Amino acid sequence: MLFEEFDVVRSIKSLSENVPSGSKGTILFVGDENSLSYLVEFVEDGETLDILEVKQSDLVPFRE
C-alpha cells in the first residue's frame, strides 16, 4: 500500500526512543517511488513525539 501526504498512520514497531510501537502519525512528505519512505510526524495528546523518515514497511493505516 502506498501512502499519500496527510494520511494518518500507525507505527508497527518502535522507531525511536520517543516513538514506540503503535504511535500515531501523519505523513508530511512522500519520498520517491524507489525508496518507499515517508517523512512522518508522530504525535500524542497534541504534542509532537518526533519527526522521522520511515520505511513503508514500518507503517499501517491508522484505524480507531
N, C-alpha and C. Protein backbone atom coordinates (compact mmCIF):
# COMPACT_ATOMS: atom_id res chain seq x y z
N MET A 1 0.84 -1.18 0.00
CA MET A 1 0.00 0.00 0.00
C MET A 1 0.88 1.24 0.00
N LEU A 2 0.57 2.17 -0.84
CA LEU A 2 1.28 3.44 -0.87
C LEU A 2 0.47 4.48 -0.11
N PHE A 3 1.15 5.25 0.69
CA PHE A 3 0.50 6.31 1.45
C PHE A 3 0.66 7.63 0.71
N GLU A 4 -0.22 8.58 1.00
CA GLU A 4 -0.16 9.91 0.42
C GLU A 4 0.05 10.93 1.53
N GLU A 5 0.46 12.15 1.14
CA GLU A 5 0.63 13.21 2.13
C GLU A 5 -0.66 13.39 2.92
N PHE A 6 -0.50 13.58 4.21
CA PHE A 6 -1.56 13.83 5.19
C PHE A 6 -2.36 12.59 5.57
N ASP A 7 -1.98 11.41 5.06
CA ASP A 7 -2.59 10.17 5.57
C ASP A 7 -2.17 9.99 7.02
N VAL A 8 -3.07 9.44 7.82
CA VAL A 8 -2.79 9.16 9.22
C VAL A 8 -2.41 7.68 9.31
N VAL A 9 -1.28 7.42 9.99
CA VAL A 9 -0.72 6.08 10.05
C VAL A 9 -0.39 5.71 11.50
N ARG A 10 -0.04 4.43 11.67
CA ARG A 10 0.40 3.93 12.97
C ARG A 10 1.69 3.14 12.74
N SER A 11 2.65 3.29 13.64
CA SER A 11 3.90 2.53 13.53
C SER A 11 3.66 1.09 14.00
N ILE A 12 4.30 0.14 13.33
CA ILE A 12 4.13 -1.25 13.74
C ILE A 12 5.32 -1.76 14.56
N LYS A 13 6.30 -0.87 14.78
CA LYS A 13 7.43 -1.19 15.66
C LYS A 13 7.95 0.10 16.27
N SER A 14 8.76 -0.02 17.29
CA SER A 14 9.40 1.15 17.89
C SER A 14 10.35 1.75 16.86
N LEU A 15 10.23 3.07 16.63
CA LEU A 15 11.04 3.74 15.62
C LEU A 15 12.12 4.64 16.20
N SER A 16 11.96 5.04 17.44
CA SER A 16 12.95 5.84 18.14
C SER A 16 12.64 5.77 19.63
N GLU A 17 13.47 6.40 20.41
CA GLU A 17 13.24 6.43 21.86
C GLU A 17 11.88 7.06 22.19
N ASN A 18 11.46 8.02 21.37
CA ASN A 18 10.21 8.75 21.62
C ASN A 18 9.01 8.19 20.88
N VAL A 19 9.23 7.26 19.94
CA VAL A 19 8.14 6.74 19.11
C VAL A 19 8.04 5.22 19.29
N PRO A 20 7.25 4.78 20.28
CA PRO A 20 7.09 3.34 20.49
C PRO A 20 6.15 2.73 19.44
N SER A 21 6.14 1.44 19.39
CA SER A 21 5.23 0.72 18.51
C SER A 21 3.79 1.17 18.78
N GLY A 22 3.02 1.35 17.72
CA GLY A 22 1.63 1.76 17.86
C GLY A 22 1.41 3.26 17.87
N SER A 23 2.47 4.04 17.70
CA SER A 23 2.34 5.50 17.71
C SER A 23 1.60 6.00 16.47
N LYS A 24 0.78 7.02 16.66
CA LYS A 24 0.01 7.63 15.58
C LYS A 24 0.81 8.76 14.95
N GLY A 25 0.76 8.83 13.61
CA GLY A 25 1.49 9.88 12.91
C GLY A 25 0.79 10.32 11.65
N THR A 26 1.27 11.41 11.09
CA THR A 26 0.75 11.96 9.84
C THR A 26 1.88 12.05 8.83
N ILE A 27 1.61 11.59 7.60
CA ILE A 27 2.59 11.67 6.53
C ILE A 27 2.75 13.14 6.13
N LEU A 28 3.97 13.67 6.23
CA LEU A 28 4.24 15.05 5.85
C LEU A 28 4.80 15.16 4.44
N PHE A 29 5.55 14.14 4.04
CA PHE A 29 6.21 14.17 2.73
C PHE A 29 6.38 12.74 2.24
N VAL A 30 6.12 12.52 0.96
CA VAL A 30 6.28 11.21 0.35
C VAL A 30 7.59 11.20 -0.44
N GLY A 31 8.47 10.24 -0.15
CA GLY A 31 9.72 10.11 -0.88
C GLY A 31 9.48 9.56 -2.27
N ASP A 32 10.55 9.39 -3.03
CA ASP A 32 10.38 8.87 -4.39
C ASP A 32 9.93 7.41 -4.35
N GLU A 33 9.41 6.95 -5.47
CA GLU A 33 8.84 5.61 -5.56
C GLU A 33 9.85 4.51 -5.26
N ASN A 34 11.12 4.75 -5.56
CA ASN A 34 12.15 3.73 -5.34
C ASN A 34 12.47 3.53 -3.86
N SER A 35 12.39 4.58 -3.08
CA SER A 35 12.79 4.48 -1.67
C SER A 35 11.65 3.98 -0.78
N LEU A 36 10.41 4.21 -1.18
CA LEU A 36 9.24 3.85 -0.38
C LEU A 36 9.39 4.32 1.07
N SER A 37 9.82 5.58 1.21
CA SER A 37 9.96 6.16 2.54
C SER A 37 9.11 7.42 2.65
N TYR A 38 8.83 7.79 3.89
CA TYR A 38 7.94 8.90 4.18
C TYR A 38 8.51 9.71 5.34
N LEU A 39 8.27 11.01 5.32
CA LEU A 39 8.56 11.84 6.47
C LEU A 39 7.27 11.90 7.28
N VAL A 40 7.35 11.45 8.53
CA VAL A 40 6.15 11.30 9.36
C VAL A 40 6.32 12.06 10.67
N GLU A 41 5.29 12.84 11.02
CA GLU A 41 5.25 13.48 12.34
C GLU A 41 4.40 12.61 13.24
N PHE A 42 5.00 12.12 14.32
CA PHE A 42 4.30 11.29 15.29
C PHE A 42 3.86 12.17 16.46
N VAL A 43 2.61 12.02 16.87
CA VAL A 43 2.04 12.85 17.92
C VAL A 43 1.32 12.01 18.97
N GLU A 44 1.21 12.61 20.16
CA GLU A 44 0.42 12.01 21.24
C GLU A 44 -0.14 13.15 22.07
N ASP A 45 -1.45 13.17 22.25
CA ASP A 45 -2.12 14.21 23.02
C ASP A 45 -1.76 15.61 22.52
N GLY A 46 -1.66 15.76 21.19
CA GLY A 46 -1.38 17.07 20.59
C GLY A 46 0.07 17.50 20.65
N GLU A 47 0.95 16.68 21.19
CA GLU A 47 2.37 17.00 21.29
C GLU A 47 3.17 16.16 20.31
N THR A 48 4.10 16.79 19.61
CA THR A 48 4.95 16.06 18.67
C THR A 48 5.94 15.20 19.45
N LEU A 49 5.95 13.90 19.13
CA LEU A 49 6.92 12.99 19.72
C LEU A 49 8.24 13.04 18.96
N ASP A 50 8.13 13.04 17.63
CA ASP A 50 9.32 13.04 16.78
C ASP A 50 8.87 13.18 15.33
N ILE A 51 9.77 13.63 14.48
CA ILE A 51 9.55 13.66 13.04
C ILE A 51 10.66 12.80 12.44
N LEU A 52 10.26 11.73 11.75
CA LEU A 52 11.22 10.74 11.27
C LEU A 52 10.98 10.37 9.82
N GLU A 53 12.05 9.95 9.16
CA GLU A 53 11.92 9.31 7.85
C GLU A 53 11.67 7.83 8.13
N VAL A 54 10.57 7.31 7.60
CA VAL A 54 10.13 5.96 7.94
C VAL A 54 9.88 5.15 6.67
N LYS A 55 10.27 3.89 6.70
CA LYS A 55 10.00 2.99 5.57
C LYS A 55 8.52 2.60 5.55
N GLN A 56 8.00 2.39 4.37
CA GLN A 56 6.61 1.99 4.21
C GLN A 56 6.30 0.72 5.02
N SER A 57 7.24 -0.20 5.06
CA SER A 57 7.01 -1.47 5.75
C SER A 57 6.84 -1.33 7.26
N ASP A 58 7.16 -0.16 7.81
CA ASP A 58 7.03 0.07 9.25
C ASP A 58 5.73 0.79 9.63
N LEU A 59 4.83 0.97 8.64
CA LEU A 59 3.60 1.73 8.86
C LEU A 59 2.38 0.94 8.39
N VAL A 60 1.27 1.19 9.06
CA VAL A 60 -0.04 0.70 8.62
C VAL A 60 -1.01 1.87 8.72
N PRO A 61 -2.13 1.82 7.98
CA PRO A 61 -3.13 2.87 8.10
C PRO A 61 -3.66 2.94 9.54
N PHE A 62 -3.94 4.13 10.03
CA PHE A 62 -4.49 4.32 11.37
C PHE A 62 -5.97 3.95 11.36
N ARG A 63 -6.37 3.11 12.27
CA ARG A 63 -7.77 2.75 12.44
C ARG A 63 -8.13 2.97 13.90
N GLU A 64 -9.20 3.68 14.15
CA GLU A 64 -9.64 3.95 15.55
C GLU A 64 -10.18 2.71 16.19
